[in-house]
Amino acid sequence: MDREEIGKLYEAHYMRVFSYCMTLSGERALAEEVTQETFFRAFRKRDEFRGDSDEITWLCAIAKNIFYDEKRRSSKTDSFEEIPEELPDTSDGVEQLATDRDSSLRIHIALHGLDEPFREVFELRVFGELSFREIGMIFSKTENWARVTYHRARLKLQERMEK
């Protein structure tokens, strides 16, 4: 892979890899760091890419491994994580923001309570905007497995939201 091919790979897949990393981490800074490290490793190990899967699937698998490595590393060194304070955008009205944030929080709490792989498959599909085929490839499973797992995750999430 020459310099031009590397640039094309980066431009073609940066936003999808970054979106996937945001789905995993929920933190912009960590997602940017993992995305950057993903492309660095992909460029460094580009000769190991066999072409058995799409490039985006390969990149997301690298990103997933980096993210989990980072979480393991940080859990050993950090006793707590700082929660950033966000100032609400008041352009939509405080009432609407409170409702949207409340709904969003309830959804994320319910989603957080889902067992793996349901949570990750749901996040990859909804937030990462990956196809079922790509999700199946990340998990080394079939496209049908990804569809069934996503459907079950949706049902479990709906059930949790009704409670």
N, C-alpha and C. Protein backbone atom coordinates (compact mmCIF):
# COMPACT_ATOMS: atom_id res chain seq x y z
N MET A 1 0.86 -1.17 0.00
CA MET A 1 0.00 0.00 0.00
C MET A 1 0.90 1.23 0.00
N ASP A 2 0.79 2.04 -1.03
CA ASP A 2 1.62 3.23 -1.10
C ASP A 2 0.91 4.40 -0.40
N ARG A 3 1.57 5.52 -0.41
CA ARG A 3 1.07 6.71 0.28
C ARG A 3 -0.30 7.16 -0.21
N GLU A 4 -0.52 7.07 -1.51
CA GLU A 4 -1.80 7.48 -2.10
C GLU A 4 -2.92 6.55 -1.65
N GLU A 5 -2.65 5.24 -1.64
CA GLU A 5 -3.65 4.27 -1.19
C GLU A 5 -3.99 4.47 0.28
N ILE A 6 -3.00 4.79 1.09
CA ILE A 6 -3.21 5.04 2.51
C ILE A 6 -4.12 6.25 2.69
N GLY A 7 -3.86 7.30 1.93
CA GLY A 7 -4.70 8.49 2.00
C GLY A 7 -6.14 8.20 1.60
N LYS A 8 -6.32 7.39 0.57
CA LYS A 8 -7.67 7.03 0.13
C LYS A 8 -8.39 6.19 1.19
N LEU A 9 -7.67 5.26 1.79
CA LEU A 9 -8.25 4.44 2.85
C LEU A 9 -8.71 5.31 4.02
N TYR A 10 -7.86 6.24 4.41
CA TYR A 10 -8.18 7.14 5.52
C TYR A 10 -9.40 8.00 5.19
N GLU A 11 -9.40 8.62 4.02
CA GLU A 11 -10.51 9.48 3.64
C GLU A 11 -11.82 8.70 3.49
N ALA A 12 -11.72 7.48 2.98
CA ALA A 12 -12.92 6.69 2.74
C ALA A 12 -13.57 6.18 4.03
N HIS A 13 -12.77 5.93 5.05
CA HIS A 13 -13.30 5.23 6.23
C HIS A 13 -13.16 5.98 7.55
N TYR A 14 -12.55 7.15 7.54
CA TYR A 14 -12.32 7.85 8.80
C TYR A 14 -13.60 8.06 9.59
N MET A 15 -14.63 8.63 8.96
CA MET A 15 -15.86 8.97 9.69
C MET A 15 -16.57 7.74 10.23
N ARG A 16 -16.58 6.65 9.50
CA ARG A 16 -17.24 5.44 9.98
C ARG A 16 -16.47 4.83 11.15
N VAL A 17 -15.15 4.83 11.07
CA VAL A 17 -14.36 4.31 12.18
C VAL A 17 -14.53 5.21 13.40
N PHE A 18 -14.49 6.52 13.19
CA PHE A 18 -14.68 7.45 14.30
C PHE A 18 -16.06 7.28 14.93
N SER A 19 -17.10 7.13 14.11
CA SER A 19 -18.46 6.91 14.62
C SER A 19 -18.52 5.63 15.45
N TYR A 20 -17.88 4.60 14.95
CA TYR A 20 -17.83 3.33 15.68
C TYR A 20 -17.14 3.52 17.03
N CYS A 21 -16.04 4.24 17.02
CA CYS A 21 -15.30 4.50 18.27
C CYS A 21 -16.13 5.34 19.24
N MET A 22 -16.89 6.29 18.72
CA MET A 22 -17.78 7.08 19.57
C MET A 22 -18.84 6.18 20.19
N THR A 23 -19.32 5.22 19.43
CA THR A 23 -20.31 4.28 19.94
C THR A 23 -19.71 3.46 21.08
N LEU A 24 -18.49 3.02 20.91
CA LEU A 24 -17.85 2.22 21.95
C LEU A 24 -17.55 3.04 23.20
N SER A 25 -17.01 4.23 23.00
CA SER A 25 -16.49 4.98 24.15
C SER A 25 -17.46 6.00 24.72
N GLY A 26 -18.22 6.65 23.87
CA GLY A 26 -19.09 7.71 24.32
C GLY A 26 -18.34 8.99 24.66
N GLU A 27 -17.04 8.99 24.44
CA GLU A 27 -16.20 10.14 24.74
C GLU A 27 -15.46 10.56 23.47
N ARG A 28 -15.62 11.80 23.10
CA ARG A 28 -15.01 12.29 21.86
C ARG A 28 -13.48 12.16 21.87
N ALA A 29 -12.85 12.56 22.96
CA ALA A 29 -11.39 12.52 23.02
C ALA A 29 -10.86 11.09 22.89
N LEU A 30 -11.49 10.17 23.60
CA LEU A 30 -11.07 8.77 23.52
C LEU A 30 -11.34 8.21 22.13
N ALA A 31 -12.48 8.56 21.55
CA ALA A 31 -12.81 8.09 20.20
C ALA A 31 -11.79 8.59 19.18
N GLU A 32 -11.39 9.85 19.30
CA GLU A 32 -10.38 10.40 18.38
C GLU A 32 -9.05 9.67 18.55
N GLU A 33 -8.69 9.42 19.80
CA GLU A 33 -7.42 8.74 20.07
C GLU A 33 -7.43 7.31 19.51
N VAL A 34 -8.53 6.60 19.75
CA VAL A 34 -8.63 5.22 19.25
C VAL A 34 -8.67 5.21 17.72
N THR A 35 -9.36 6.15 17.11
CA THR A 35 -9.42 6.23 15.65
C THR A 35 -8.03 6.47 15.07
N GLN A 36 -7.31 7.41 15.67
CA GLN A 36 -5.97 7.71 15.20
C GLN A 36 -5.07 6.48 15.32
N GLU A 37 -5.13 5.81 16.46
CA GLU A 37 -4.31 4.62 16.67
C GLU A 37 -4.72 3.49 15.72
N THR A 38 -6.01 3.41 15.41
CA THR A 38 -6.50 2.39 14.48
C THR A 38 -5.86 2.54 13.11
N PHE A 39 -5.88 3.76 12.59
CA PHE A 39 -5.28 3.98 11.27
C PHE A 39 -3.76 3.82 11.31
N PHE A 40 -3.15 4.22 12.40
CA PHE A 40 -1.70 4.04 12.53
C PHE A 40 -1.35 2.56 12.46
N ARG A 41 -2.06 1.74 13.22
CA ARG A 41 -1.79 0.30 13.20
C ARG A 41 -2.14 -0.32 11.86
N ALA A 42 -3.23 0.13 11.27
CA ALA A 42 -3.62 -0.41 9.96
C ALA A 42 -2.55 -0.10 8.92
N PHE A 43 -2.02 1.11 8.93
CA PHE A 43 -0.98 1.48 7.98
C PHE A 43 0.29 0.69 8.23
N ARG A 44 0.60 0.50 9.51
CA ARG A 44 1.81 -0.23 9.87
C ARG A 44 1.70 -1.72 9.51
N LYS A 45 0.51 -2.27 9.62
CA LYS A 45 0.32 -3.71 9.37
C LYS A 45 -0.51 -3.97 8.12
N ARG A 46 -0.45 -3.05 7.17
CA ARG A 46 -1.27 -3.15 5.97
C ARG A 46 -0.99 -4.41 5.17
N ASP A 47 0.22 -4.96 5.26
CA ASP A 47 0.55 -6.17 4.51
C ASP A 47 -0.14 -7.40 5.09
N GLU A 48 -0.61 -7.31 6.34
CA GLU A 48 -1.29 -8.43 6.98
C GLU A 48 -2.77 -8.52 6.60
N PHE A 49 -3.29 -7.47 5.97
CA PHE A 49 -4.69 -7.49 5.54
C PHE A 49 -4.82 -8.44 4.37
N ARG A 50 -5.59 -9.53 4.61
CA ARG A 50 -5.72 -10.58 3.61
C ARG A 50 -6.84 -10.33 2.61
N GLY A 51 -7.72 -9.41 2.92
CA GLY A 51 -8.83 -9.13 2.03
C GLY A 51 -9.99 -10.08 2.20
N ASP A 52 -10.00 -10.86 3.32
CA ASP A 52 -11.11 -11.78 3.59
C ASP A 52 -12.39 -11.02 3.93
N SER A 53 -12.24 -9.78 4.36
CA SER A 53 -13.38 -8.94 4.72
C SER A 53 -13.19 -7.56 4.09
N ASP A 54 -14.20 -6.72 4.26
CA ASP A 54 -14.07 -5.35 3.77
C ASP A 54 -13.06 -4.60 4.63
N GLU A 55 -12.53 -3.53 4.06
CA GLU A 55 -11.57 -2.72 4.81
C GLU A 55 -12.19 -2.14 6.07
N ILE A 56 -13.46 -1.70 5.99
CA ILE A 56 -14.11 -1.09 7.15
C ILE A 56 -14.26 -2.11 8.27
N THR A 57 -14.54 -3.34 7.94
CA THR A 57 -14.67 -4.39 8.94
C THR A 57 -13.33 -4.63 9.61
N TRP A 58 -12.28 -4.67 8.83
CA TRP A 58 -10.92 -4.84 9.36
C TRP A 58 -10.56 -3.68 10.27
N LEU A 59 -10.86 -2.47 9.84
CA LEU A 59 -10.54 -1.29 10.65
C LEU A 59 -11.35 -1.28 11.96
N CYS A 60 -12.61 -1.64 11.89
CA CYS A 60 -13.44 -1.66 13.11
C CYS A 60 -12.97 -2.74 14.08
N ALA A 61 -12.50 -3.85 13.57
CA ALA A 61 -11.95 -4.89 14.44
C ALA A 61 -10.69 -4.39 15.15
N ILE A 62 -9.85 -3.68 14.43
CA ILE A 62 -8.66 -3.09 15.03
C ILE A 62 -9.07 -2.08 16.10
N ALA A 63 -10.04 -1.22 15.77
CA ALA A 63 -10.51 -0.20 16.71
C ALA A 63 -11.08 -0.84 17.98
N LYS A 64 -11.84 -1.89 17.81
CA LYS A 64 -12.43 -2.58 18.96
C LYS A 64 -11.33 -3.11 19.89
N ASN A 65 -10.32 -3.73 19.31
CA ASN A 65 -9.21 -4.26 20.13
C ASN A 65 -8.47 -3.15 20.84
N ILE A 66 -8.22 -2.05 20.15
CA ILE A 66 -7.52 -0.92 20.77
C ILE A 66 -8.35 -0.35 21.91
N PHE A 67 -9.66 -0.20 21.68
CA PHE A 67 -10.54 0.35 22.71
C PHE A 67 -10.51 -0.52 23.96
N TYR A 68 -10.69 -1.83 23.78
CA TYR A 68 -10.69 -2.72 24.95
C TYR A 68 -9.34 -2.74 25.65
N ASP A 69 -8.25 -2.69 24.88
CA ASP A 69 -6.92 -2.60 25.49
C ASP A 69 -6.80 -1.33 26.33
N GLU A 70 -7.28 -0.23 25.78
CA GLU A 70 -7.21 1.06 26.48
C GLU A 70 -8.05 1.03 27.76
N LYS A 71 -9.23 0.44 27.69
CA LYS A 71 -10.09 0.35 28.87
C LYS A 71 -9.44 -0.51 29.95
N ARG A 72 -8.84 -1.61 29.56
CA ARG A 72 -8.14 -2.46 30.54
C ARG A 72 -6.99 -1.70 31.17
N ARG A 73 -6.24 -1.01 30.35
CA ARG A 73 -5.08 -0.26 30.83
C ARG A 73 -5.53 0.87 31.77
N SER A 74 -6.57 1.59 31.40
CA SER A 74 -7.00 2.71 32.23
C SER A 74 -7.68 2.24 33.51
N SER A 75 -8.32 1.07 33.48
CA SER A 75 -8.96 0.58 34.70
C SER A 75 -7.91 0.16 35.73
N LYS A 76 -6.73 -0.18 35.28
CA LYS A 76 -5.66 -0.53 36.20
C LYS A 76 -5.01 0.70 36.83
N THR A 77 -5.01 1.81 36.09
CA THR A 77 -4.33 3.00 36.59
C THR A 77 -5.25 4.06 37.16
N ASP A 78 -6.50 4.08 36.71
CA ASP A 78 -7.44 5.10 37.18
C ASP A 78 -8.38 4.52 38.21
N SER A 79 -8.54 5.20 39.30
CA SER A 79 -9.50 4.74 40.30
C SER A 79 -10.87 5.30 40.00
N PHE A 80 -10.94 6.36 39.22
CA PHE A 80 -12.22 6.93 38.82
C PHE A 80 -12.04 7.70 37.53
N GLU A 81 -13.15 7.94 36.86
CA GLU A 81 -13.13 8.72 35.63
C GLU A 81 -13.80 10.05 35.90
N GLU A 82 -13.25 11.11 35.35
CA GLU A 82 -13.88 12.41 35.49
C GLU A 82 -15.05 12.50 34.52
N ILE A 83 -16.12 13.08 34.98
CA ILE A 83 -17.29 13.28 34.14
C ILE A 83 -17.27 14.72 33.67
N PRO A 84 -17.18 14.94 32.37
CA PRO A 84 -17.13 16.31 31.89
C PRO A 84 -18.48 17.00 32.08
N GLU A 85 -18.41 18.25 32.45
CA GLU A 85 -19.62 19.06 32.59
C GLU A 85 -19.94 19.67 31.24
N GLU A 86 -21.17 19.52 30.79
CA GLU A 86 -21.59 20.09 29.51
C GLU A 86 -22.62 21.17 29.77
N LEU A 87 -22.46 22.27 29.10
CA LEU A 87 -23.45 23.33 29.18
C LEU A 87 -24.52 23.07 28.13
N PRO A 88 -25.78 23.08 28.50
CA PRO A 88 -26.83 22.79 27.53
C PRO A 88 -26.97 23.92 26.52
N ASP A 89 -27.31 23.55 25.30
CA ASP A 89 -27.61 24.52 24.25
C ASP A 89 -29.05 24.97 24.46
N THR A 90 -29.25 26.24 24.76
CA THR A 90 -30.58 26.72 25.10
C THR A 90 -31.37 27.19 23.89
N SER A 91 -30.88 26.97 22.70
CA SER A 91 -31.58 27.45 21.51
C SER A 91 -32.90 26.71 21.28
N ASP A 92 -33.02 25.46 21.72
CA ASP A 92 -34.25 24.70 21.53
C ASP A 92 -35.24 24.87 22.67
N GLY A 93 -34.87 25.57 23.68
CA GLY A 93 -35.74 25.71 24.83
C GLY A 93 -35.37 24.71 25.91
N VAL A 94 -35.38 25.16 27.13
CA VAL A 94 -34.96 24.34 28.25
C VAL A 94 -35.87 23.12 28.41
N GLU A 95 -37.18 23.30 28.22
CA GLU A 95 -38.12 22.21 28.39
C GLU A 95 -37.83 21.06 27.42
N GLN A 96 -37.62 21.42 26.16
CA GLN A 96 -37.34 20.40 25.15
C GLN A 96 -36.03 19.69 25.45
N LEU A 97 -35.01 20.44 25.85
CA LEU A 97 -33.73 19.84 26.19
C LEU A 97 -33.86 18.87 27.34
N ALA A 98 -34.59 19.26 28.36
CA ALA A 98 -34.77 18.39 29.53
C ALA A 98 -35.46 17.10 29.11
N THR A 99 -36.46 17.20 28.27
CA THR A 99 -37.18 16.02 27.80
C THR A 99 -36.26 15.14 26.95
N ASP A 100 -35.55 15.74 26.01
CA ASP A 100 -34.66 14.98 25.15
C ASP A 100 -33.54 14.33 25.95
N ARG A 101 -32.94 15.07 26.86
CA ARG A 101 -31.85 14.51 27.67
C ARG A 101 -32.36 13.40 28.56
N ASP A 102 -33.58 13.58 29.11
CA ASP A 102 -34.16 12.55 29.96
C ASP A 102 -34.42 11.28 29.15
N SER A 103 -35.00 11.44 27.98
CA SER A 103 -35.26 10.28 27.11
C SER A 103 -33.96 9.62 26.71
N SER A 104 -33.01 10.41 26.32
CA SER A 104 -31.71 9.88 25.91
C SER A 104 -31.04 9.13 27.06
N LEU A 105 -31.10 9.71 28.24
CA LEU A 105 -30.50 9.06 29.41
C LEU A 105 -31.18 7.74 29.70
N ARG A 106 -32.51 7.71 29.63
CA ARG A 106 -33.25 6.46 29.89
C ARG A 106 -32.87 5.39 28.87
N ILE A 107 -32.75 5.79 27.61
CA ILE A 107 -32.37 4.83 26.57
C ILE A 107 -30.97 4.30 26.82
N HIS A 108 -30.03 5.19 27.14
CA HIS A 108 -28.65 4.75 27.37
C HIS A 108 -28.53 3.88 28.63
N ILE A 109 -29.32 4.19 29.65
CA ILE A 109 -29.30 3.35 30.85
C ILE A 109 -29.81 1.95 30.51
N ALA A 110 -30.91 1.90 29.77
CA ALA A 110 -31.45 0.60 29.36
C ALA A 110 -30.47 -0.14 28.46
N LEU A 111 -29.84 0.58 27.56
CA LEU A 111 -28.86 -0.02 26.66
C LEU A 111 -27.65 -0.53 27.42
N HIS A 112 -27.22 0.23 28.40
CA HIS A 112 -26.06 -0.17 29.21
C HIS A 112 -26.32 -1.47 29.96
N GLY A 113 -27.58 -1.72 30.30
CA GLY A 113 -27.93 -2.92 31.03
C GLY A 113 -28.03 -4.17 30.18
N LEU A 114 -27.98 -4.03 28.86
CA LEU A 114 -28.06 -5.20 27.98
C LEU A 114 -26.77 -6.01 28.08
N ASP A 115 -26.92 -7.31 27.99
CA ASP A 115 -25.76 -8.20 27.98
C ASP A 115 -25.07 -8.13 26.63
N GLU A 116 -23.80 -8.52 26.63
CA GLU A 116 -23.06 -8.64 25.37
C GLU A 116 -23.48 -9.95 24.74
N PRO A 117 -23.54 -10.09 23.47
CA PRO A 117 -23.18 -9.15 22.42
C PRO A 117 -24.33 -8.23 22.01
N PHE A 118 -25.49 -8.35 22.67
CA PHE A 118 -26.66 -7.57 22.25
C PHE A 118 -26.37 -6.07 22.24
N ARG A 119 -25.74 -5.58 23.31
CA ARG A 119 -25.48 -4.14 23.39
C ARG A 119 -24.57 -3.69 22.26
N GLU A 120 -23.49 -4.40 22.07
CA GLU A 120 -22.53 -3.97 21.05
C GLU A 120 -23.11 -4.07 19.64
N VAL A 121 -23.86 -5.12 19.36
CA VAL A 121 -24.47 -5.26 18.04
C VAL A 121 -25.46 -4.12 17.81
N PHE A 122 -26.27 -3.80 18.82
CA PHE A 122 -27.23 -2.70 18.69
C PHE A 122 -26.50 -1.38 18.44
N GLU A 123 -25.43 -1.12 19.20
CA GLU A 123 -24.67 0.12 19.04
C GLU A 123 -24.00 0.19 17.68
N LEU A 124 -23.45 -0.91 17.22
CA LEU A 124 -22.81 -0.92 15.90
C LEU A 124 -23.81 -0.61 14.80
N ARG A 125 -25.00 -1.16 14.93
CA ARG A 125 -26.02 -0.96 13.91
C ARG A 125 -26.60 0.46 13.95
N VAL A 126 -26.96 0.92 15.15
CA VAL A 126 -27.64 2.21 15.27
C VAL A 126 -26.67 3.38 15.24
N PHE A 127 -25.66 3.34 16.09
CA PHE A 127 -24.73 4.46 16.20
C PHE A 127 -23.57 4.37 15.21
N GLY A 128 -23.09 3.16 14.98
CA GLY A 128 -21.97 2.98 14.06
C GLY A 128 -22.40 2.88 12.61
N GLU A 129 -23.71 2.70 12.38
CA GLU A 129 -24.28 2.62 11.04
C GLU A 129 -23.61 1.56 10.17
N LEU A 130 -23.28 0.43 10.79
CA LEU A 130 -22.68 -0.67 10.04
C LEU A 130 -23.77 -1.59 9.52
N SER A 131 -23.48 -2.25 8.43
CA SER A 131 -24.43 -3.22 7.88
C SER A 131 -24.37 -4.50 8.71
N PHE A 132 -25.40 -5.35 8.55
CA PHE A 132 -25.40 -6.61 9.27
C PHE A 132 -24.23 -7.48 8.83
N ARG A 133 -23.89 -7.40 7.59
CA ARG A 133 -22.75 -8.18 7.08
C ARG A 133 -21.47 -7.74 7.77
N GLU A 134 -21.27 -6.43 7.90
CA GLU A 134 -20.07 -5.91 8.55
C GLU A 134 -20.04 -6.28 10.03
N ILE A 135 -21.19 -6.20 10.68
CA ILE A 135 -21.26 -6.57 12.10
C ILE A 135 -20.93 -8.05 12.27
N GLY A 136 -21.49 -8.88 11.41
CA GLY A 136 -21.18 -10.31 11.46
C GLY A 136 -19.69 -10.57 11.29
N MET A 137 -19.06 -9.84 10.38
CA MET A 137 -17.63 -10.02 10.15
C MET A 137 -16.81 -9.60 11.36
N ILE A 138 -17.21 -8.54 12.04
CA ILE A 138 -16.48 -8.09 13.24
C ILE A 138 -16.49 -9.18 14.30
N PHE A 139 -17.62 -9.87 14.43
CA PHE A 139 -17.77 -10.91 15.44
C PHE A 139 -17.37 -12.29 14.92
N SER A 140 -16.92 -12.36 13.68
CA SER A 140 -16.60 -13.63 13.02
C SER A 140 -17.82 -14.55 13.01
N LYS A 141 -18.97 -13.96 12.70
CA LYS A 141 -20.23 -14.69 12.63
C LYS A 141 -20.87 -14.39 11.27
N THR A 142 -22.06 -14.93 11.07
CA THR A 142 -22.75 -14.71 9.80
C THR A 142 -23.59 -13.43 9.85
N GLU A 143 -23.98 -12.99 8.66
CA GLU A 143 -24.87 -11.83 8.56
C GLU A 143 -26.20 -12.12 9.25
N ASN A 144 -26.69 -13.34 9.10
CA ASN A 144 -27.94 -13.72 9.74
C ASN A 144 -27.83 -13.66 11.27
N TRP A 145 -26.70 -14.08 11.81
CA TRP A 145 -26.48 -14.00 13.26
C TRP A 145 -26.59 -12.55 13.71
N ALA A 146 -26.00 -11.63 12.96
CA ALA A 146 -26.04 -10.22 13.31
C ALA A 146 -27.48 -9.70 13.28
N ARG A 147 -28.25 -10.11 12.27
CA ARG A 147 -29.65 -9.69 12.18
C ARG A 147 -30.46 -10.18 13.37
N VAL A 148 -30.32 -11.45 13.70
CA VAL A 148 -31.07 -12.04 14.81
C VAL A 148 -30.66 -11.40 16.12
N THR A 149 -29.37 -11.20 16.32
CA THR A 149 -28.87 -10.60 17.56
C THR A 149 -29.37 -9.16 17.69
N TYR A 150 -29.36 -8.41 16.59
CA TYR A 150 -29.87 -7.05 16.63
C TYR A 150 -31.37 -7.03 16.96
N HIS A 151 -32.13 -7.92 16.33
CA HIS A 151 -33.57 -7.98 16.59
C HIS A 151 -33.83 -8.31 18.07
N ARG A 152 -33.10 -9.26 18.61
CA ARG A 152 -33.26 -9.62 20.02
C ARG A 152 -32.85 -8.46 20.93
N ALA A 153 -31.81 -7.76 20.54
CA ALA A 153 -31.38 -6.59 21.34
C ALA A 153 -32.47 -5.54 21.35
N ARG A 154 -33.08 -5.29 20.20
CA ARG A 154 -34.19 -4.31 20.13
C ARG A 154 -35.33 -4.71 21.03
N LEU A 155 -35.70 -6.00 21.00
CA LEU A 155 -36.79 -6.48 21.85
C LEU A 155 -36.44 -6.32 23.33
N LYS A 156 -35.22 -6.67 23.70
CA LYS A 156 -34.79 -6.53 25.09
C LYS A 156 -34.78 -5.06 25.52
N LEU A 157 -34.34 -4.20 24.62
CA LEU A 157 -34.29 -2.77 24.92
C LEU A 157 -35.71 -2.21 25.09
N GLN A 158 -36.61 -2.60 24.21
CA GLN A 158 -38.00 -2.17 24.33
C GLN A 158 -38.61 -2.65 25.64
N GLU A 159 -38.31 -3.88 25.99
CA GLU A 159 -38.81 -4.44 27.24
C GLU A 159 -38.30 -3.64 28.44
N ARG A 160 -37.03 -3.30 28.43
CA ARG A 160 -36.44 -2.51 29.52
C ARG A 160 -37.03 -1.11 29.57
N MET A 161 -37.31 -0.54 28.40
CA MET A 161 -37.85 0.83 28.35
C MET A 161 -39.28 0.88 28.89
N GLU A 162 -40.02 -0.19 28.73
CA GLU A 162 -41.39 -0.24 29.20
C GLU A 162 -41.47 -0.33 30.73
N LYS A 163 -40.41 -0.82 31.35
CA LYS A 163 -40.40 -0.94 32.82
C LYS A 163 -40.24 0.38 33.50
